[in-house]
Amino acid sequence: MVKLNQAFAALADPTRREIVVRLARGEATVSELVGQFELTQPTISSHLKVLESAGLISRRRVAQSRPCVLEPDRLKEVTGWLEQVRDIWEGNYKRLDALLSELKQAEKKQRKK
């Protein structure tokens, strides 16, 4: 649960969410991200450290560069949790709809009397 909490904390920032979306299209170096987000290198590096500590991205070494890549397994954990919550709420809404339908039918019956 700790890693899930870290993932949600990391994704709470809109810039980090944009970085995740960008990395979903393919790996990128810090320099490439700096150019795309018009932020300073230290700012991008700071965001990447948060994403990396949450397990959402990793960095690998390719010659002189260290491209960042998305970690899909961590994202699957996040989406899995969200799907569980969504299922609970959908069940709640279905029960509420059923109750409202029953109340409307009871009201119609009372009006006919």
C-alpha atoms as a PDB file:
ATOM      1  CA  MET A   1       0.000   0.000   0.000  1.00  0.00           C
ATOM      2  CA  VAL A   2       2.957   2.330   0.631  1.00  0.00           C
ATOM      3  CA  LYS A   3       3.971   2.270  -3.038  1.00  0.00           C
ATOM      4  CA  LEU A   4       0.367   2.894  -4.067  1.00  0.00           C
ATOM      5  CA  ASN A   5       0.267   5.929  -1.777  1.00  0.00           C
ATOM      6  CA  GLN A   6       3.536   7.170  -3.280  1.00  0.00           C
ATOM      7  CA  ALA A   7       2.161   6.667  -6.782  1.00  0.00           C
ATOM      8  CA  PHE A   8      -0.953   8.717  -6.040  1.00  0.00           C
ATOM      9  CA  ALA A   9       1.121  11.421  -4.353  1.00  0.00           C
ATOM     10  CA  ALA A  10       3.398  11.557  -7.398  1.00  0.00           C
ATOM     11  CA  LEU A  11       0.446  11.705  -9.789  1.00  0.00           C
ATOM     12  CA  ALA A  12      -1.188  14.508  -7.792  1.00  0.00           C
ATOM     13  CA  ASP A  13       1.032  17.005  -9.592  1.00  0.00           C
ATOM     14  CA  PRO A  14      -0.178  17.978 -13.095  1.00  0.00           C
ATOM     15  CA  THR A  15       3.349  18.294 -14.494  1.00  0.00           C
ATOM     16  CA  ARG A  16       4.210  14.782 -13.353  1.00  0.00           C
ATOM     17  CA  ARG A  17       0.995  13.477 -14.906  1.00  0.00           C
ATOM     18  CA  GLU A  18       1.993  15.154 -18.190  1.00  0.00           C
ATOM     19  CA  ILE A  19       5.438  13.561 -17.951  1.00  0.00           C
ATOM     20  CA  VAL A  20       3.808  10.143 -17.479  1.00  0.00           C
ATOM     21  CA  VAL A  21       1.627  10.754 -20.546  1.00  0.00           C
ATOM     22  CA  ARG A  22       4.714  11.763 -22.533  1.00  0.00           C
ATOM     23  CA  LEU A  23       6.638   8.679 -21.403  1.00  0.00           C
ATOM     24  CA  ALA A  24       3.680   6.483 -22.355  1.00  0.00           C
ATOM     25  CA  ARG A  25       4.530   7.397 -25.957  1.00  0.00           C
ATOM     26  CA  GLY A  26       8.156   6.308 -25.498  1.00  0.00           C
ATOM     27  CA  GLU A  27      11.291   6.868 -23.487  1.00  0.00           C
ATOM     28  CA  ALA A  28      12.835  10.315 -23.169  1.00  0.00           C
ATOM     29  CA  THR A  29      15.941  11.877 -21.706  1.00  0.00           C
ATOM     30  CA  VAL A  30      15.896  14.745 -19.241  1.00  0.00           C
ATOM     31  CA  SER A  31      17.056  17.081 -22.033  1.00  0.00           C
ATOM     32  CA  GLU A  32      14.163  16.030 -24.262  1.00  0.00           C
ATOM     33  CA  LEU A  33      11.694  16.581 -21.425  1.00  0.00           C
ATOM     34  CA  VAL A  34      13.185  19.998 -20.647  1.00  0.00           C
ATOM     35  CA  GLY A  35      12.541  21.022 -24.252  1.00  0.00           C
ATOM     36  CA  GLN A  36       8.993  19.709 -24.274  1.00  0.00           C
ATOM     37  CA  PHE A  37       7.872  21.154 -20.951  1.00  0.00           C
ATOM     38  CA  GLU A  38       9.822  24.418 -21.037  1.00  0.00           C
ATOM     39  CA  LEU A  39      10.987  23.837 -17.477  1.00  0.00           C
ATOM     40  CA  THR A  40      14.507  23.973 -16.115  1.00  0.00           C
ATOM     41  CA  GLN A  41      16.630  20.855 -15.920  1.00  0.00           C
ATOM     42  CA  PRO A  42      16.613  20.846 -12.092  1.00  0.00           C
ATOM     43  CA  THR A  43      12.807  21.136 -12.062  1.00  0.00           C
ATOM     44  CA  ILE A  44      12.376  18.227 -14.488  1.00  0.00           C
ATOM     45  CA  SER A  45      14.938  16.184 -12.553  1.00  0.00           C
ATOM     46  CA  SER A  46      13.038  16.839  -9.342  1.00  0.00           C
ATOM     47  CA  HIS A  47       9.779  15.638 -10.910  1.00  0.00           C
ATOM     48  CA  LEU A  48      11.525  12.567 -12.291  1.00  0.00           C
ATOM     49  CA  LYS A  49      12.966  11.692  -8.867  1.00  0.00           C
ATOM     50  CA  VAL A  50       9.462  11.727  -7.382  1.00  0.00           C
ATOM     51  CA  LEU A  51       8.116   9.541 -10.198  1.00  0.00           C
ATOM     52  CA  GLU A  52      11.075   7.184  -9.882  1.00  0.00           C
ATOM     53  CA  SER A  53      10.774   6.836  -6.099  1.00  0.00           C
ATOM     54  CA  ALA A  54       7.087   6.001  -6.590  1.00  0.00           C
ATOM     55  CA  GLY A  55       8.114   3.281  -9.030  1.00  0.00           C
ATOM     56  CA  LEU A  56       6.252   4.862 -11.940  1.00  0.00           C
ATOM     57  CA  ILE A  57       9.360   5.346 -14.064  1.00  0.00           C
ATOM     58  CA  SER A  58      12.882   3.991 -14.223  1.00  0.00           C
ATOM     59  CA  ARG A  59      16.056   5.171 -15.867  1.00  0.00           C
ATOM     60  CA  ARG A  60      18.472   3.089 -17.833  1.00  0.00           C
ATOM     61  CA  ARG A  61      21.918   3.839 -19.136  1.00  0.00           C
ATOM     62  CA  VAL A  62      22.510   4.043 -22.878  1.00  0.00           C
ATOM     63  CA  ALA A  63      26.051   5.235 -23.572  1.00  0.00           C
ATOM     64  CA  GLN A  64      26.166   8.776 -22.144  1.00  0.00           C
ATOM     65  CA  SER A  65      22.426   9.261 -21.717  1.00  0.00           C
ATOM     66  CA  ARG A  66      19.962   7.973 -19.127  1.00  0.00           C
ATOM     67  CA  PRO A  67      16.554   7.771 -20.788  1.00  0.00           C
ATOM     68  CA  CYS A  68      13.467   7.555 -18.580  1.00  0.00           C
ATOM     69  CA  VAL A  69      10.951   4.815 -19.246  1.00  0.00           C
ATOM     70  CA  LEU A  70       7.496   4.236 -17.889  1.00  0.00           C
ATOM     71  CA  GLU A  71       6.954   1.281 -15.551  1.00  0.00           C
ATOM     72  CA  PRO A  72       3.642  -0.182 -16.742  1.00  0.00           C
ATOM     73  CA  ASP A  73       3.348  -2.685 -13.880  1.00  0.00           C
ATOM     74  CA  ARG A  74       3.151   0.112 -11.304  1.00  0.00           C
ATOM     75  CA  LEU A  75       0.523   1.873 -13.409  1.00  0.00           C
ATOM     76  CA  LYS A  76      -1.431  -1.388 -13.570  1.00  0.00           C
ATOM     77  CA  GLU A  77      -1.493  -1.434  -9.765  1.00  0.00           C
ATOM     78  CA  VAL A  78      -2.843   2.122  -9.709  1.00  0.00           C
ATOM     79  CA  THR A  79      -5.487   1.432 -12.346  1.00  0.00           C
ATOM     80  CA  GLY A  80      -6.389  -1.843 -10.644  1.00  0.00           C
ATOM     81  CA  TRP A  81      -7.111  -0.024  -7.412  1.00  0.00           C
ATOM     82  CA  LEU A  82      -9.108   2.642  -9.266  1.00  0.00           C
ATOM     83  CA  GLU A  83     -11.150  -0.057 -11.015  1.00  0.00           C
ATOM     84  CA  GLN A  84     -12.017  -1.625  -7.661  1.00  0.00           C
ATOM     85  CA  VAL A  85     -13.248   1.704  -6.346  1.00  0.00           C
ATOM     86  CA  ARG A  86     -15.144   2.369  -9.576  1.00  0.00           C
ATOM     87  CA  ASP A  87     -16.863  -1.020  -9.298  1.00  0.00           C
ATOM     88  CA  ILE A  88     -17.943  -0.206  -5.750  1.00  0.00           C
ATOM     89  CA  TRP A  89     -19.374   3.155  -6.791  1.00  0.00           C
ATOM     90  CA  GLU A  90     -21.116   1.687  -9.824  1.00  0.00           C
ATOM     91  CA  GLY A  91     -22.767  -0.836  -7.504  1.00  0.00           C
ATOM     92  CA  ASN A  92     -23.810   1.989  -5.200  1.00  0.00           C
ATOM     93  CA  TYR A  93     -25.308   3.938  -8.098  1.00  0.00           C
ATOM     94  CA  LYS A  94     -27.200   0.871  -9.355  1.00  0.00           C
ATOM     95  CA  ARG A  95     -28.692   0.329  -5.898  1.00  0.00           C
ATOM     96  CA  LEU A  96     -29.607   4.008  -5.697  1.00  0.00           C
ATOM     97  CA  ASP A  97     -31.257   3.851  -9.135  1.00  0.00           C
ATOM     98  CA  ALA A  98     -33.231   0.786  -8.060  1.00  0.00           C
ATOM     99  CA  LEU A  99     -34.350   2.513  -4.860  1.00  0.00           C
ATOM    100  CA  LEU A 100     -35.395   5.654  -6.742  1.00  0.00           C
ATOM    101  CA  SER A 101     -37.337   3.529  -9.207  1.00  0.00           C
ATOM    102  CA  GLU A 102     -39.137   1.773  -6.334  1.00  0.00           C
ATOM    103  CA  LEU A 103     -39.952   5.113  -4.700  1.00  0.00           C
ATOM    104  CA  LYS A 104     -41.348   6.501  -7.968  1.00  0.00           C
ATOM    105  CA  GLN A 105     -43.533   3.429  -8.438  1.00  0.00           C
ATOM    106  CA  ALA A 106     -44.789   3.670  -4.858  1.00  0.00           C
ATOM    107  CA  GLU A 107     -45.563   7.361  -5.394  1.00  0.00           C
ATOM    108  CA  LYS A 108     -47.517   6.571  -8.587  1.00  0.00           C
ATOM    109  CA  LYS A 109     -49.542   3.929  -6.716  1.00  0.00           C
ATOM    110  CA  GLN A 110     -50.381   6.415  -3.971  1.00  0.00           C
ATOM    111  CA  ARG A 111     -51.533   9.016  -6.501  1.00  0.00           C
ATOM    112  CA  LYS A 112     -53.893   6.496  -8.106  1.00  0.00           C
ATOM    113  CA  LYS A 113     -55.620   5.835  -4.775  1.00  0.00           C
END
